[in-house]
Amino acid sequence: MRKFSSLKAREMSSKLVTSHTKIQSCYPKQDLKGQRVAILGLGKSGSAATKLALARGASVIAIDQNENLGSTFKINNGLFDLKDDADLETAFGHFDDKLLKEVDIVVVSPGVSLEKYGIHSMICSGKEVLSEMDFAAQVIPSYTKILAVTGTNGKSTVTTFAGQMLNHLGFETFVGGNLGVPLSEAGFHCLTSSNQRPLQVVVVEVSSYQLEIPPKYFCPSVAVILNLTPDHLERHQTMRNYAATKCRIFSHMRGNKIGILPLGNQYLDEAIMEYANGVNLAWIGASPGVSVDVETKIADLKLPTIGCDSQLQLDELKAVGKHNYTNAAVAALAVWGLDIEIKAASFSSAISKLTTLPHRMQVVHVDDDEITWVDDSKATNVEAAYFGLIGFELKSVVLLGGLAKELKMKDSNGFEQLVEPLQHHRGVITFGFSGHMIQKTLRANGLTIPRLNAKTLKDAVSLARSIAQRGDAIVLSPGCASFDEFKNFEHRGRIFKELAISSE
């Protein structure tokens, strides 16, 4: 390993923590031998991409502007031993962008804006600049089917449901992407696991940040855009930009590949004309595609291109919320669209096995007064809160608040759309930085149920407990980011569960 000499203005480190676990000493594919690769951003995605680049034989410089990262940076949490001839440099803190002119490939983590490191200029100059996801896609074998899921809300749930279905049906499946495990881990598995059963399907959640750099190699067999509502506009600026970025998921799909979209979204309808040429389109809410009757709990699935025309019974689904009927049905349609010889009856057996991820309308406690505590902390925008609430039937005290996201919409912060689903509930408690603003919006738009405001989530839970009645639910569905009080939505959800249990 070479060390990188630095000036005082730069904070750099060449330390790498390794374990005693040895991996294959000679990788079957050294396609980047002799090339120099820069990895920008060293979170989960960047660390996984670093490991993959080294496995492909590249000389790597791993870069992050966090100068404090040098003491903690590990590849794969330290479970990766470098080969003796591995070539890795690390650079932390401020550094000279000119260093990137010397590299052959630049790999960008999703958390890194294109305005940093001169990324946008490098793309315009013709340098090979790839997202971490696109870099990983280069080594996914052609026989491995890729199912990609994006959208503003629900993508983690649909990705998880699809992965669970495939695992239940006996397919060797990787589930990840924006959902926890970077796609580079799947790529690394494909390179180094020659003695194991090969991956048959990769199910990958894709964020808009992962599509900002136009993909060159990422080509799903089936791609889903679940919905598109205002979010991340501080980065994408306009809804048209946001829609165009999402539709890049279809860029290289041709032939019998299938794209699944929501019906009647103006921005997607415009963007799809540019990006979905040659894709067989199906619709959420129409035919061909998937339509769900939430009263009968039956979904109609139709994909003429592969001979799919069937009904799916959803009454055994255990996931809370009517919106999860649609999530499960879309997941089934997407899996069926892979055309991997699954019989219709097989999906029915998988429905009862589906479980949601933590913090997504998750029942975390039922107390002695038969009050059901529901954690929907993942609802970090208004639309996510809306979908959770319209599908929840128990009369509830709803907790809304945190740090509201900027919508860039005139005379609207979005919370007015919650008035209708809130009207039949017991009450609403607002809290956190945006609590007063949310309270004001709900009042101005005619919400008549009891409304109280609290400073913190702990205070909100205490107020909710005081007005909830036997058999009610207390639902944390904030409609806001968590950063005014918590590290992330997971932290917020864990604290809510602790407060629920300790409230008795």
Protein backbone atom coordinates (compact mmCIF):
# COMPACT_ATOMS: atom_id res chain seq x y z
CA MET A 1 0.00 0.00 0.00
CA ARG A 2 1.44 3.36 -0.94
CA LYS A 3 1.20 6.32 1.37
CA PHE A 4 0.13 9.66 0.00
CA SER A 5 2.35 12.58 0.99
CA SER A 6 0.35 15.71 1.81
CA LEU A 7 0.61 19.41 2.43
CA LYS A 8 -0.53 20.99 5.70
CA ALA A 9 -3.72 22.15 4.03
CA ARG A 10 -4.70 18.54 3.42
CA GLU A 11 -5.80 16.02 5.99
CA MET A 12 -4.99 12.61 4.59
CA SER A 13 -4.47 9.13 5.93
CA SER A 14 -3.35 5.81 4.52
CA LYS A 15 -4.56 3.71 7.45
CA LEU A 16 -6.71 0.72 6.65
CA VAL A 17 -8.13 -1.59 9.32
CA THR A 18 -8.06 -5.24 8.30
CA SER A 19 -9.25 -8.48 9.86
CA HIS A 20 -7.90 -12.00 9.89
CA THR A 21 -10.51 -13.13 7.35
CA LYS A 22 -8.74 -13.84 4.08
CA ILE A 23 -10.57 -13.57 0.80
CA GLN A 24 -9.60 -15.15 -2.48
CA SER A 25 -6.02 -14.13 -3.21
CA CYS A 26 -6.48 -14.13 -6.96
CA TYR A 27 -9.72 -12.70 -8.34
CA PRO A 28 -11.12 -14.19 -11.53
CA LYS A 29 -11.68 -10.78 -13.09
CA GLN A 30 -8.90 -8.18 -13.04
CA ASP A 31 -10.49 -5.95 -15.67
CA LEU A 32 -9.20 -2.71 -14.13
CA LYS A 33 -5.57 -3.81 -13.84
CA GLY A 34 -3.38 -0.84 -14.73
CA GLN A 35 -6.15 1.72 -14.27
CA ARG A 36 -6.47 4.31 -11.53
CA VAL A 37 -9.89 4.77 -9.89
CA ALA A 38 -11.00 7.58 -7.57
CA ILE A 39 -13.81 6.88 -5.10
CA LEU A 40 -15.58 10.06 -3.91
CA GLY A 41 -17.42 9.76 -0.60
CA LEU A 42 -16.57 6.97 1.83
CA GLY A 43 -19.81 6.04 3.52
CA LYS A 44 -21.32 2.58 2.96
CA SER A 45 -21.46 3.01 -0.81
CA GLY A 46 -17.95 4.41 -1.15
CA SER A 47 -16.43 1.75 1.09
CA ALA A 48 -18.11 -1.01 -0.92
CA ALA A 49 -17.01 0.57 -4.20
CA THR A 50 -13.44 0.80 -2.90
CA LYS A 51 -13.45 -2.89 -2.09
CA LEU A 52 -14.90 -3.73 -5.51
CA ALA A 53 -12.37 -1.56 -7.35
CA LEU A 54 -9.47 -3.25 -5.56
CA ALA A 55 -10.95 -6.66 -6.32
CA ARG A 56 -11.02 -5.66 -9.99
CA GLY A 57 -7.30 -4.90 -9.86
CA ALA A 58 -7.45 -1.10 -9.89
CA SER A 59 -5.12 1.36 -8.24
CA VAL A 60 -7.48 3.29 -5.95
CA ILE A 61 -7.53 6.67 -4.29
CA ALA A 62 -10.43 6.88 -1.81
CA ILE A 63 -11.46 10.46 -1.00
CA ASP A 64 -13.77 12.08 1.54
CA GLN A 65 -13.97 15.71 2.64
CA ASN A 66 -14.62 14.67 6.25
CA GLU A 67 -11.19 15.20 7.77
CA ASN A 68 -12.16 13.20 10.87
CA LEU A 69 -12.88 10.06 8.86
CA GLY A 70 -9.22 9.06 8.69
CA SER A 71 -9.26 7.42 12.11
CA THR A 72 -12.42 5.38 11.51
CA PHE A 73 -12.50 4.52 7.80
CA LYS A 74 -12.76 0.79 7.21
CA ILE A 75 -13.48 -1.23 4.11
CA ASN A 76 -16.49 -3.44 4.82
CA ASN A 77 -16.20 -2.73 8.56
CA GLY A 78 -12.67 -4.13 8.58
CA LEU A 79 -13.62 -7.54 7.17
CA PHE A 80 -11.47 -7.21 4.07
CA ASP A 81 -7.81 -8.08 3.75
CA LEU A 82 -5.89 -6.42 0.96
CA LYS A 83 -3.77 -8.53 -1.30
CA ASP A 84 -0.06 -7.85 -0.90
CA ASP A 85 0.02 -5.98 -4.18
CA ALA A 86 -3.19 -3.97 -3.59
CA ASP A 87 -2.76 -0.29 -4.32
CA LEU A 88 -4.84 2.00 -2.09
CA GLU A 89 -4.42 5.63 -1.07
CA THR A 90 -6.83 7.56 1.13
CA ALA A 91 -7.37 11.32 1.26
CA PHE A 92 -9.46 13.05 3.93
CA GLY A 93 -10.35 16.71 4.32
CA HIS A 94 -9.31 19.38 1.83
CA PHE A 95 -7.37 18.25 -1.22
CA ASP A 96 -6.40 19.52 -4.66
CA ASP A 97 -9.04 18.71 -7.32
CA LYS A 98 -6.21 18.41 -9.83
CA LEU A 99 -5.55 14.96 -8.39
CA LEU A 100 -8.66 13.74 -10.17
CA LYS A 101 -7.21 14.65 -13.56
CA GLU A 102 -4.74 11.81 -13.13
CA VAL A 103 -7.35 9.07 -12.70
CA ASP A 104 -9.06 6.96 -15.36
CA ILE A 105 -12.41 6.46 -13.62
CA VAL A 106 -14.24 8.49 -10.98
CA VAL A 107 -16.85 6.69 -8.85
CA VAL A 108 -19.29 8.93 -6.98
CA SER A 109 -21.23 7.96 -3.87
CA PRO A 110 -24.92 9.01 -3.80
CA GLY A 111 -24.39 11.42 -0.91
CA VAL A 112 -21.92 13.51 -2.92
CA SER A 113 -23.42 16.44 -4.84
CA LEU A 114 -22.32 16.96 -8.44
CA GLU A 115 -21.29 20.48 -7.41
CA LYS A 116 -18.42 19.07 -5.33
CA TYR A 117 -15.00 17.95 -6.54
CA GLY A 118 -15.70 19.48 -9.96
CA ILE A 119 -17.79 16.41 -10.82
CA HIS A 120 -20.07 18.22 -13.24
CA SER A 121 -17.10 19.60 -15.17
CA MET A 122 -15.50 16.17 -15.37
CA ILE A 123 -18.71 14.71 -16.81
CA CYS A 124 -18.84 17.47 -19.43
CA SER A 125 -15.19 16.90 -20.33
CA GLY A 126 -15.86 13.25 -21.18
CA LYS A 127 -14.03 11.64 -18.26
CA GLU A 128 -15.47 8.30 -17.15
CA VAL A 129 -17.59 9.36 -14.16
CA LEU A 130 -19.90 6.70 -12.72
CA SER A 131 -22.27 6.42 -9.82
CA GLU A 132 -21.43 3.68 -7.33
CA MET A 133 -24.45 1.76 -8.61
CA ASP A 134 -23.32 2.03 -12.25
CA PHE A 135 -19.78 0.99 -11.32
CA ALA A 136 -21.17 -2.13 -9.63
CA ALA A 137 -23.45 -2.89 -12.59
CA GLN A 138 -20.37 -3.38 -14.79
CA VAL A 139 -19.64 -6.71 -13.11
CA ILE A 140 -23.17 -8.06 -12.57
CA PRO A 141 -23.35 -11.09 -14.94
CA SER A 142 -25.72 -10.93 -17.88
CA TYR A 143 -27.58 -14.01 -16.61
CA THR A 144 -28.49 -12.20 -13.37
CA LYS A 145 -31.86 -10.46 -13.66
CA ILE A 146 -32.08 -6.94 -12.17
CA LEU A 147 -35.30 -5.62 -10.65
CA ALA A 148 -34.99 -1.90 -9.81
CA VAL A 149 -37.44 0.09 -7.70
CA THR A 150 -37.54 3.86 -7.30
CA GLY A 151 -40.11 6.52 -6.41
CA THR A 152 -40.60 9.12 -3.72
CA ASN A 153 -42.39 6.87 -1.23
CA GLY A 154 -42.75 3.14 -0.68
CA LYS A 155 -39.65 2.00 -2.56
CA SER A 156 -38.05 0.28 0.44
CA THR A 157 -41.24 -1.65 1.13
CA VAL A 158 -41.74 -2.78 -2.47
CA THR A 159 -38.05 -3.71 -2.78
CA THR A 160 -38.28 -5.74 0.42
CA PHE A 161 -41.53 -7.44 -0.61
CA ALA A 162 -40.07 -8.39 -4.00
CA GLY A 163 -36.94 -9.80 -2.38
CA GLN A 164 -38.98 -11.78 0.14
CA MET A 165 -41.14 -13.24 -2.64
CA LEU A 166 -38.10 -14.33 -4.63
CA ASN A 167 -36.43 -15.87 -1.59
CA HIS A 168 -39.65 -17.68 -0.68
CA LEU A 169 -39.80 -19.06 -4.22
CA GLY A 170 -36.25 -20.38 -3.97
CA PHE A 171 -34.28 -17.88 -6.06
CA GLU A 172 -30.77 -16.84 -5.03
CA THR A 173 -31.45 -13.12 -4.51
CA PHE A 174 -29.54 -10.01 -3.46
CA VAL A 175 -31.63 -7.20 -1.96
CA GLY A 176 -30.03 -3.80 -1.48
CA GLY A 177 -28.93 -0.65 -3.27
CA ASN A 178 -30.21 2.45 -1.53
CA LEU A 179 -31.75 -0.01 0.92
CA GLY A 180 -28.88 -0.67 3.30
CA VAL A 181 -26.41 -2.83 1.30
CA PRO A 182 -24.74 -1.12 -1.69
CA LEU A 183 -24.92 -2.78 -5.10
CA SER A 184 -21.11 -2.96 -5.08
CA GLU A 185 -21.46 -5.73 -2.48
CA ALA A 186 -23.43 -7.77 -5.02
CA GLY A 187 -20.72 -7.06 -7.59
CA PHE A 188 -18.04 -8.18 -5.15
CA HIS A 189 -20.02 -11.36 -4.45
CA CYS A 190 -20.21 -12.09 -8.16
CA LEU A 191 -16.42 -11.72 -8.51
CA THR A 192 -15.29 -13.66 -5.45
CA SER A 193 -17.90 -16.35 -4.81
CA SER A 194 -17.21 -18.77 -7.64
CA ASN A 195 -17.87 -21.79 -5.40
CA GLN A 196 -21.26 -20.53 -4.24
CA ARG A 197 -24.63 -20.57 -5.95
CA PRO A 198 -24.65 -17.67 -8.45
CA LEU A 199 -27.00 -14.75 -7.97
CA GLN A 200 -30.13 -15.25 -10.03
CA VAL A 201 -31.82 -11.93 -9.22
CA VAL A 202 -30.67 -8.56 -7.89
CA VAL A 203 -33.46 -6.47 -6.36
CA VAL A 204 -32.18 -2.94 -5.93
CA GLU A 205 -33.77 0.16 -4.44
CA VAL A 206 -32.65 3.19 -6.42
CA SER A 207 -32.70 6.77 -5.16
CA SER A 208 -32.76 9.85 -7.35
CA TYR A 209 -29.27 10.69 -6.09
CA GLN A 210 -28.01 7.43 -7.63
CA LEU A 211 -29.41 8.51 -11.00
CA GLU A 212 -28.02 12.07 -11.08
CA ILE A 213 -25.07 10.84 -13.10
CA PRO A 214 -26.67 9.33 -16.22
CA PRO A 215 -26.15 5.54 -16.05
CA LYS A 216 -24.08 3.84 -18.72
CA TYR A 217 -24.17 0.21 -17.59
CA PHE A 218 -27.11 -0.18 -15.21
CA CYS A 219 -29.84 -1.96 -17.18
CA PRO A 220 -32.73 -3.54 -15.22
CA SER A 221 -34.92 -6.30 -16.63
CA VAL A 222 -37.81 -4.65 -14.78
CA ALA A 223 -37.82 -1.08 -13.44
CA VAL A 224 -40.53 0.47 -11.27
CA ILE A 225 -41.25 4.12 -10.52
CA LEU A 226 -43.87 3.92 -7.76
CA ASN A 227 -44.82 7.61 -7.52
CA LEU A 228 -43.42 11.11 -7.74
CA THR A 229 -44.23 13.84 -5.23
CA PRO A 230 -42.20 16.87 -4.10
CA ASP A 231 -39.04 15.77 -2.29
CA HIS A 232 -35.28 16.43 -2.47
CA LEU A 233 -35.97 19.67 -4.34
CA GLU A 234 -33.09 21.36 -2.56
CA ARG A 235 -30.92 19.15 -4.79
CA HIS A 236 -33.06 18.69 -7.93
CA GLN A 237 -34.55 22.23 -7.90
CA THR A 238 -37.70 21.50 -9.93
CA MET A 239 -40.21 18.66 -10.29
CA ARG A 240 -39.31 18.36 -13.98
CA ASN A 241 -35.66 17.79 -13.08
CA TYR A 242 -36.70 15.33 -10.39
CA ALA A 243 -38.91 13.38 -12.83
CA ALA A 244 -36.23 13.33 -15.53
CA THR A 245 -33.68 12.02 -13.03
CA LYS A 246 -36.01 9.21 -11.95
CA CYS A 247 -36.76 8.24 -15.56
CA ARG A 248 -33.07 7.66 -16.26
CA ILE A 249 -33.68 4.26 -14.71
CA PHE A 250 -35.13 3.24 -18.12
CA SER A 251 -32.22 4.62 -20.18
CA HIS A 252 -30.78 1.34 -21.45
CA MET A 253 -33.84 -0.90 -21.31
CA ARG A 254 -34.86 -2.36 -24.66
CA GLY A 255 -36.58 -5.42 -26.09
CA ASN A 256 -38.68 -7.41 -23.65
CA LYS A 257 -37.77 -5.32 -20.61
CA ILE A 258 -40.64 -3.85 -18.58
CA GLY A 259 -41.17 -0.43 -17.02
CA ILE A 260 -43.90 0.04 -14.40
CA LEU A 261 -45.16 3.55 -13.65
CA PRO A 262 -48.00 5.33 -11.83
CA LEU A 263 -50.91 6.39 -14.00
CA GLY A 264 -51.41 10.07 -14.73
CA ASN A 265 -48.36 11.79 -13.23
CA GLN A 266 -47.78 14.90 -15.35
CA TYR A 267 -44.04 15.16 -14.74
CA LEU A 268 -43.34 11.48 -15.35
CA ASP A 269 -45.54 11.46 -18.44
CA GLU A 270 -43.37 14.24 -19.91
CA ALA A 271 -40.03 12.72 -18.90
CA ILE A 272 -40.82 9.19 -20.00
CA MET A 273 -41.01 10.26 -23.64
CA GLU A 274 -37.26 10.86 -23.59
CA TYR A 275 -36.06 7.93 -21.51
CA ALA A 276 -38.41 4.98 -22.05
CA ASN A 277 -38.17 4.40 -25.80
CA GLY A 278 -38.35 0.68 -26.45
CA VAL A 279 -39.57 -0.24 -22.95
CA ASN A 280 -42.78 -2.25 -22.53
CA LEU A 281 -44.76 0.00 -20.19
CA ALA A 282 -47.22 -1.16 -17.55
CA TRP A 283 -49.19 0.96 -15.12
CA ILE A 284 -50.01 1.11 -11.45
CA GLY A 285 -53.78 1.53 -11.54
CA ALA A 286 -54.49 0.45 -15.12
CA SER A 287 -54.04 -2.31 -17.68
CA PRO A 288 -51.56 -3.51 -18.70
CA GLY A 289 -50.22 -3.35 -15.18
CA VAL A 290 -51.75 -3.77 -11.75
CA SER A 291 -55.08 -2.64 -10.28
CA VAL A 292 -56.01 -3.27 -6.64
CA ASP A 293 -59.46 -3.44 -5.07
CA VAL A 294 -58.75 -2.74 -1.39
CA GLU A 295 -62.27 -3.75 -0.35
CA THR A 296 -62.14 -7.25 -1.86
CA LYS A 297 -58.36 -7.41 -1.37
CA ILE A 298 -57.85 -8.66 -4.91
CA ALA A 299 -55.26 -7.43 -7.41
CA ASP A 300 -55.54 -7.81 -11.17
CA LEU A 301 -52.14 -8.37 -12.79
CA LYS A 302 -51.64 -8.16 -16.54
CA LEU A 303 -48.47 -8.17 -18.66
CA PRO A 304 -49.34 -9.35 -22.18
CA THR A 305 -45.69 -9.39 -23.27
CA ILE A 306 -44.97 -12.40 -21.03
CA GLY A 307 -48.45 -13.92 -20.89
CA CYS A 308 -49.27 -12.68 -17.38
CA ASP A 309 -53.01 -12.29 -16.82
CA SER A 310 -54.15 -13.28 -13.35
CA GLN A 311 -55.68 -12.27 -10.04
CA LEU A 312 -53.81 -12.19 -6.75
CA GLN A 313 -55.61 -12.61 -3.43
CA LEU A 314 -54.17 -10.26 -0.80
CA ASP A 315 -56.33 -11.02 2.23
CA GLU A 316 -53.55 -12.91 4.03
CA LEU A 317 -51.21 -9.92 3.95
CA LYS A 318 -50.23 -9.09 7.54
CA ALA A 319 -48.59 -5.72 6.89
CA VAL A 320 -50.51 -2.81 8.45
CA GLY A 321 -52.21 -0.28 6.13
CA LYS A 322 -54.29 -0.51 2.97
CA HIS A 323 -51.48 1.03 0.93
CA ASN A 324 -49.50 -2.18 1.49
CA TYR A 325 -52.01 -4.09 -0.67
CA THR A 326 -50.78 -2.00 -3.59
CA ASN A 327 -47.15 -2.36 -2.51
CA ALA A 328 -47.47 -6.17 -2.42
CA ALA A 329 -49.29 -6.30 -5.75
CA VAL A 330 -46.71 -4.08 -7.48
CA ALA A 331 -43.91 -6.24 -6.07
CA ALA A 332 -45.65 -9.36 -7.43
CA LEU A 333 -46.10 -7.78 -10.87
CA ALA A 334 -42.45 -6.71 -10.96
CA VAL A 335 -41.23 -10.19 -9.97
CA TRP A 336 -43.52 -11.78 -12.56
CA GLY A 337 -42.16 -9.35 -15.15
CA LEU A 338 -38.69 -10.89 -14.73
CA ASP A 339 -40.04 -13.81 -16.77
CA ILE A 340 -38.35 -16.50 -14.68
CA GLU A 341 -41.07 -19.14 -14.94
CA ILE A 342 -43.04 -18.46 -11.74
CA LYS A 343 -46.57 -19.86 -11.58
CA ALA A 344 -49.40 -17.55 -10.51
CA ALA A 345 -50.33 -19.81 -7.58
CA SER A 346 -46.84 -19.40 -6.13
CA PHE A 347 -47.41 -15.72 -5.37
CA SER A 348 -50.41 -16.49 -3.16
CA SER A 349 -48.28 -18.67 -0.90
CA ALA A 350 -45.77 -15.83 -0.50
CA ILE A 351 -48.26 -13.09 0.48
CA SER A 352 -48.75 -14.27 4.06
CA LYS A 353 -44.96 -14.37 4.56
CA LEU A 354 -44.36 -10.70 3.72
CA THR A 355 -43.12 -8.44 6.50
CA THR A 356 -42.44 -4.71 6.41
CA LEU A 357 -39.19 -3.06 7.41
CA PRO A 358 -38.87 -1.32 10.79
CA HIS A 359 -40.32 2.20 11.11
CA ARG A 360 -42.87 1.71 8.31
CA MET A 361 -46.32 1.51 9.94
CA GLN A 362 -44.79 -0.99 12.36
CA VAL A 363 -46.73 -2.00 15.47
CA VAL A 364 -44.11 -1.68 18.23
CA HIS A 365 -46.26 -2.07 21.37
CA VAL A 366 -49.76 -2.79 22.62
CA ASP A 367 -50.20 -1.58 26.20
CA ASP A 368 -52.50 -2.66 29.02
CA ASP A 369 -55.21 -0.23 27.85
CA GLU A 370 -55.20 -1.95 24.45
CA ILE A 371 -53.63 1.11 22.85
CA THR A 372 -51.65 0.15 19.76
CA TRP A 373 -48.42 2.07 19.23
CA VAL A 374 -47.40 2.38 15.57
CA ASP A 375 -43.99 3.58 14.38
CA ASP A 376 -44.08 5.18 10.92
CA SER A 377 -40.96 7.25 11.48
CA LYS A 378 -39.87 6.56 7.89
CA ALA A 379 -42.63 8.97 6.81
CA THR A 380 -40.18 11.84 6.38
CA ASN A 381 -42.38 13.79 3.96
CA VAL A 382 -46.05 14.71 3.83
CA GLU A 383 -46.99 12.24 1.11
CA ALA A 384 -45.56 9.30 3.05
CA ALA A 385 -47.58 10.33 6.10
CA TYR A 386 -50.67 10.70 3.92
CA PHE A 387 -50.45 7.19 2.47
CA GLY A 388 -49.89 5.70 5.90
CA LEU A 389 -52.86 7.48 7.43
CA ILE A 390 -55.41 6.81 4.69
CA GLY A 391 -54.73 3.10 4.98
CA PHE A 392 -54.97 2.88 8.77
CA GLU A 393 -58.37 2.07 10.20
CA LEU A 394 -57.95 2.35 14.00
CA LYS A 395 -59.01 5.67 15.51
CA SER A 396 -55.71 7.27 16.41
CA VAL A 397 -53.82 10.09 18.03
CA VAL A 398 -51.37 11.11 15.30
CA LEU A 399 -47.95 12.63 15.99
CA LEU A 400 -46.72 15.05 13.30
CA GLY A 401 -43.53 17.05 13.42
CA GLY A 402 -39.78 17.40 13.18
CA LEU A 403 -38.04 19.40 10.49
CA ALA A 404 -40.39 19.94 7.51
CA LYS A 405 -38.87 19.61 4.06
CA GLU A 406 -38.79 22.57 1.71
CA LEU A 407 -41.30 22.11 -1.11
CA LYS A 408 -40.58 25.21 -3.20
CA MET A 409 -44.30 25.55 -3.83
CA LYS A 410 -46.01 28.92 -3.52
CA ASP A 411 -48.44 29.30 -0.60
CA SER A 412 -48.16 25.64 0.43
CA ASN A 413 -46.12 23.56 2.83
CA GLY A 414 -48.05 20.41 1.91
CA PHE A 415 -49.61 19.65 5.28
CA GLU A 416 -53.04 20.83 4.17
CA GLN A 417 -53.46 17.50 2.35
CA LEU A 418 -53.44 15.71 5.71
CA VAL A 419 -56.64 17.41 6.88
CA GLU A 420 -58.96 14.89 5.19
CA PRO A 421 -57.31 11.69 6.46
CA LEU A 422 -56.93 13.20 9.94
CA GLN A 423 -60.57 14.22 10.35
CA HIS A 424 -61.83 10.82 11.56
CA HIS A 425 -59.04 10.36 14.11
CA ARG A 426 -58.99 11.13 17.84
CA GLY A 427 -56.53 14.01 17.72
CA VAL A 428 -53.23 15.30 16.40
CA ILE A 429 -50.12 16.32 18.33
CA THR A 430 -47.54 18.43 16.52
CA PHE A 431 -43.98 18.70 17.82
CA GLY A 432 -40.45 19.78 17.03
CA PHE A 433 -39.04 22.61 14.95
CA SER A 434 -41.94 22.71 12.49
CA GLY A 435 -44.70 21.91 14.99
CA HIS A 436 -46.20 25.40 15.17
CA MET A 437 -46.17 25.78 11.40
CA ILE A 438 -47.94 22.43 10.92
CA GLN A 439 -50.47 23.33 13.60
CA LYS A 440 -51.22 26.64 11.89
CA THR A 441 -51.68 24.97 8.50
CA LEU A 442 -54.05 22.31 9.83
CA ARG A 443 -56.17 24.92 11.64
CA ALA A 444 -56.31 27.23 8.62
CA ASN A 445 -57.50 24.36 6.43
CA GLY A 446 -60.37 23.36 8.67
CA LEU A 447 -59.14 20.47 10.80
CA THR A 448 -61.67 20.16 13.63
CA ILE A 449 -60.30 17.33 15.77
CA PRO A 450 -58.35 18.27 18.94
CA ARG A 451 -54.96 19.75 18.12
CA LEU A 452 -52.12 20.17 20.59
CA ASN A 453 -48.50 21.23 20.18
CA ALA A 454 -45.47 19.92 22.05
CA LYS A 455 -41.84 20.91 22.11
CA THR A 456 -40.30 17.46 21.81
CA LEU A 457 -41.32 13.94 20.78
CA LYS A 458 -41.25 12.91 24.44
CA ASP A 459 -43.73 15.69 25.28
CA ALA A 460 -45.87 14.71 22.28
CA VAL A 461 -46.04 11.09 23.44
CA SER A 462 -47.09 12.22 26.91
CA LEU A 463 -49.90 14.38 25.49
CA ALA A 464 -51.02 11.62 23.13
CA ARG A 465 -51.21 9.13 25.99
CA SER A 466 -53.40 11.52 27.96
CA ILE A 467 -56.10 11.77 25.24
CA ALA A 468 -56.00 8.29 23.70
CA GLN A 469 -58.87 6.00 24.68
CA ARG A 470 -59.00 2.23 25.12
CA GLY A 471 -58.68 0.51 21.75
CA ASP A 472 -57.16 3.57 20.03
CA ALA A 473 -53.77 3.77 18.36
CA ILE A 474 -50.97 6.28 18.82
CA VAL A 475 -49.24 6.71 15.46
CA LEU A 476 -45.91 8.43 14.86
CA SER A 477 -46.15 9.47 11.20
CA PRO A 478 -44.16 12.71 11.29
CA GLY A 479 -44.26 13.96 7.68
CA CYS A 480 -40.91 15.60 8.47
CA ALA A 481 -37.20 14.90 8.63
CA SER A 482 -35.81 14.04 12.05
CA PHE A 483 -32.70 16.18 12.19
CA ASP A 484 -34.01 18.83 14.59
CA GLU A 485 -33.94 16.30 17.45
CA PHE A 486 -32.56 12.97 16.19
CA LYS A 487 -29.71 11.51 14.14
CA ASN A 488 -32.07 9.96 11.58
CA PHE A 489 -35.55 8.47 11.24
CA GLU A 490 -34.35 5.15 12.69
CA HIS A 491 -33.16 6.91 15.86
CA ARG A 492 -36.51 8.72 16.12
CA GLY A 493 -38.39 5.43 15.73
CA ARG A 494 -36.32 3.69 18.41
CA ILE A 495 -36.94 6.50 20.88
CA PHE A 496 -40.68 6.39 20.11
CA LYS A 497 -40.74 2.66 20.88
CA GLU A 498 -38.87 3.23 24.16
CA LEU A 499 -41.34 5.97 25.12
CA ALA A 500 -44.28 3.72 24.22
CA ILE A 501 -43.06 0.91 26.45
CA SER A 502 -42.15 3.22 29.35
CA SER A 503 -45.44 5.15 29.20
CA GLU A 504 -47.43 2.51 31.07
